[in-house]
């Protein structure tokens, strides 16, 4: 289940069902073991890397829940706060 599609542009896959394909090398696309590869998911005819979206397993096929929506919104608020603090920091790298 794609909780939030973090990619720019369309289509936004938030809320869509996805199939976990396994862990893969980002550059070559070759299969890897957990811990040494990046998760890859298939949504319809498109493949997403695990870092391009927030996702979770959905074995019950319950879809996007209220808890998911609350968690995503809380994470976005936290991220916005961290980015704001970084911009205000006098030691920010420029």
C-alpha atoms as a PDB file:
ATOM      1  CA  UNK A   1       0.000   0.000   0.000  1.00  0.00           C
ATOM      2  CA  UNK A   2       1.448   3.349  -1.040  1.00  0.00           C
ATOM      3  CA  UNK A   3       0.892   5.775   1.831  1.00  0.00           C
ATOM      4  CA  UNK A   4       2.442   8.781   0.128  1.00  0.00           C
ATOM      5  CA  UNK A   5       4.026   9.153  -3.280  1.00  0.00           C
ATOM      6  CA  UNK A   6       7.041  11.400  -2.709  1.00  0.00           C
ATOM      7  CA  UNK A   7       7.870  11.838  -6.402  1.00  0.00           C
ATOM      8  CA  UNK A   8       7.297  15.065  -8.284  1.00  0.00           C
ATOM      9  CA  UNK A   9       4.721  15.093 -11.062  1.00  0.00           C
ATOM     10  CA  UNK A  10       1.977  12.733 -12.093  1.00  0.00           C
ATOM     11  CA  UNK A  11       0.518  10.283 -11.517  1.00  0.00           C
ATOM     12  CA  UNK A  12       0.313  10.386  -7.731  1.00  0.00           C
ATOM     13  CA  UNK A  13       0.078   6.769  -6.537  1.00  0.00           C
ATOM     14  CA  UNK A  14      -0.940   7.629  -2.932  1.00  0.00           C
ATOM     15  CA  UNK A  15      -3.495   5.129  -1.642  1.00  0.00           C
ATOM     16  CA  UNK A  16      -2.939   2.579  -4.399  1.00  0.00           C
ATOM     17  CA  UNK A  17      -2.224  -1.081  -3.891  1.00  0.00           C
ATOM     18  CA  UNK A  18       1.323  -2.153  -4.723  1.00  0.00           C
ATOM     19  CA  UNK A  19       3.128  -5.470  -5.066  1.00  0.00           C
ATOM     20  CA  UNK A  20       6.437  -5.802  -3.214  1.00  0.00           C
ATOM     21  CA  UNK A  21       8.896  -7.237  -5.732  1.00  0.00           C
ATOM     22  CA  UNK A  22      11.874  -7.608  -3.397  1.00  0.00           C
ATOM     23  CA  UNK A  23      15.196  -5.875  -2.842  1.00  0.00           C
ATOM     24  CA  UNK A  24      17.307  -4.760  -5.790  1.00  0.00           C
ATOM     25  CA  UNK A  25      20.524  -2.957  -6.656  1.00  0.00           C
ATOM     26  CA  UNK A  26      19.571   0.592  -7.597  1.00  0.00           C
ATOM     27  CA  UNK A  27      21.987   0.909 -10.505  1.00  0.00           C
ATOM     28  CA  UNK A  28      21.941  -2.547 -12.073  1.00  0.00           C
ATOM     29  CA  UNK A  29      18.446  -3.701 -11.044  1.00  0.00           C
ATOM     30  CA  UNK A  30      19.833  -7.069  -9.974  1.00  0.00           C
ATOM     31  CA  UNK A  31      18.148  -8.831  -7.018  1.00  0.00           C
ATOM     32  CA  UNK A  32      19.742  -8.352  -3.601  1.00  0.00           C
ATOM     33  CA  UNK A  33      19.195  -9.672  -0.090  1.00  0.00           C
ATOM     34  CA  UNK A  34      17.348  -7.597   2.510  1.00  0.00           C
ATOM     35  CA  UNK A  35      19.727  -5.064   4.003  1.00  0.00           C
ATOM     36  CA  UNK A  36      21.917  -4.838   0.924  1.00  0.00           C
ATOM     37  CA  UNK A  37      19.355  -3.655  -1.605  1.00  0.00           C
ATOM     38  CA  UNK A  38      16.574  -1.132  -2.057  1.00  0.00           C
ATOM     39  CA  UNK A  39      12.924  -2.247  -1.892  1.00  0.00           C
ATOM     40  CA  UNK A  40      11.047  -2.074  -5.177  1.00  0.00           C
ATOM     41  CA  UNK A  41       7.282  -2.038  -5.616  1.00  0.00           C
ATOM     42  CA  UNK A  42       5.065  -2.451  -8.663  1.00  0.00           C
ATOM     43  CA  UNK A  43       1.993  -0.264  -9.003  1.00  0.00           C
ATOM     44  CA  UNK A  44      -0.009  -1.159 -12.124  1.00  0.00           C
ATOM     45  CA  UNK A  45       2.620  -1.053 -14.907  1.00  0.00           C
ATOM     46  CA  UNK A  46       4.994   1.227 -12.999  1.00  0.00           C
ATOM     47  CA  UNK A  47       7.865   0.409 -10.636  1.00  0.00           C
ATOM     48  CA  UNK A  48       8.665   2.563  -7.618  1.00  0.00           C
ATOM     49  CA  UNK A  49      11.761   2.427  -5.469  1.00  0.00           C
ATOM     50  CA  UNK A  50      11.178   2.281  -1.725  1.00  0.00           C
ATOM     51  CA  UNK A  51      12.749   5.699  -1.184  1.00  0.00           C
ATOM     52  CA  UNK A  52      10.368   7.347  -3.676  1.00  0.00           C
ATOM     53  CA  UNK A  53       7.350   6.681  -1.516  1.00  0.00           C
ATOM     54  CA  UNK A  54       6.171   5.824   1.964  1.00  0.00           C
ATOM     55  CA  UNK A  55       4.615   2.385   1.998  1.00  0.00           C
ATOM     56  CA  UNK A  56       3.490  -0.388   4.303  1.00  0.00           C
ATOM     57  CA  UNK A  57       2.385  -3.962   3.961  1.00  0.00           C
ATOM     58  CA  UNK A  58      -1.371  -4.412   3.656  1.00  0.00           C
ATOM     59  CA  UNK A  59      -2.030  -8.106   4.096  1.00  0.00           C
ATOM     60  CA  UNK A  60      -5.674  -7.546   5.065  1.00  0.00           C
ATOM     61  CA  UNK A  61      -6.167  -5.334   1.992  1.00  0.00           C
ATOM     62  CA  UNK A  62      -7.764  -2.694   4.189  1.00  0.00           C
ATOM     63  CA  UNK A  63      -6.505   0.164   2.044  1.00  0.00           C
ATOM     64  CA  UNK A  64      -5.520   3.579   3.323  1.00  0.00           C
ATOM     65  CA  UNK A  65      -6.734   3.793   6.928  1.00  0.00           C
ATOM     66  CA  UNK A  66      -7.414   6.776   9.173  1.00  0.00           C
ATOM     67  CA  UNK A  67      -4.252   5.856  11.116  1.00  0.00           C
ATOM     68  CA  UNK A  68      -2.278   5.972   7.858  1.00  0.00           C
ATOM     69  CA  UNK A  69      -3.609   9.440   7.064  1.00  0.00           C
ATOM     70  CA  UNK A  70      -2.814  10.685  10.588  1.00  0.00           C
ATOM     71  CA  UNK A  71       0.696   9.214  10.444  1.00  0.00           C
ATOM     72  CA  UNK A  72       1.441  10.754   7.059  1.00  0.00           C
ATOM     73  CA  UNK A  73       0.192  14.172   8.171  1.00  0.00           C
ATOM     74  CA  UNK A  74       2.242  13.985  11.396  1.00  0.00           C
ATOM     75  CA  UNK A  75       5.340  12.995   9.395  1.00  0.00           C
ATOM     76  CA  UNK A  76       4.821  15.867   6.956  1.00  0.00           C
ATOM     77  CA  UNK A  77       4.488  18.344   9.863  1.00  0.00           C
ATOM     78  CA  UNK A  78       7.670  16.987  11.430  1.00  0.00           C
ATOM     79  CA  UNK A  79       9.560  17.229   8.139  1.00  0.00           C
ATOM     80  CA  UNK A  80       8.344  20.786   7.520  1.00  0.00           C
ATOM     81  CA  UNK A  81       9.480  21.730  11.042  1.00  0.00           C
ATOM     82  CA  UNK A  82      12.905  20.201  10.522  1.00  0.00           C
ATOM     83  CA  UNK A  83      13.314  22.012   7.204  1.00  0.00           C
ATOM     84  CA  UNK A  84      12.181  25.313   8.783  1.00  0.00           C
ATOM     85  CA  UNK A  85      14.669  24.865  11.639  1.00  0.00           C
ATOM     86  CA  UNK A  86      17.441  24.095   9.170  1.00  0.00           C
ATOM     87  CA  UNK A  87      16.738  27.292   7.221  1.00  0.00           C
ATOM     88  CA  UNK A  88      16.782  29.343  10.454  1.00  0.00           C
ATOM     89  CA  UNK A  89      19.978  27.793  11.785  1.00  0.00           C
ATOM     90  CA  UNK A  90      22.943  30.169  11.711  1.00  0.00           C
ATOM     91  CA  UNK A  91      25.202  27.187  11.012  1.00  0.00           C
ATOM     92  CA  UNK A  92      23.191  25.974   8.036  1.00  0.00           C
ATOM     93  CA  UNK A  93      25.308  24.822   5.132  1.00  0.00           C
ATOM     94  CA  UNK A  94      24.797  27.071   2.165  1.00  0.00           C
END
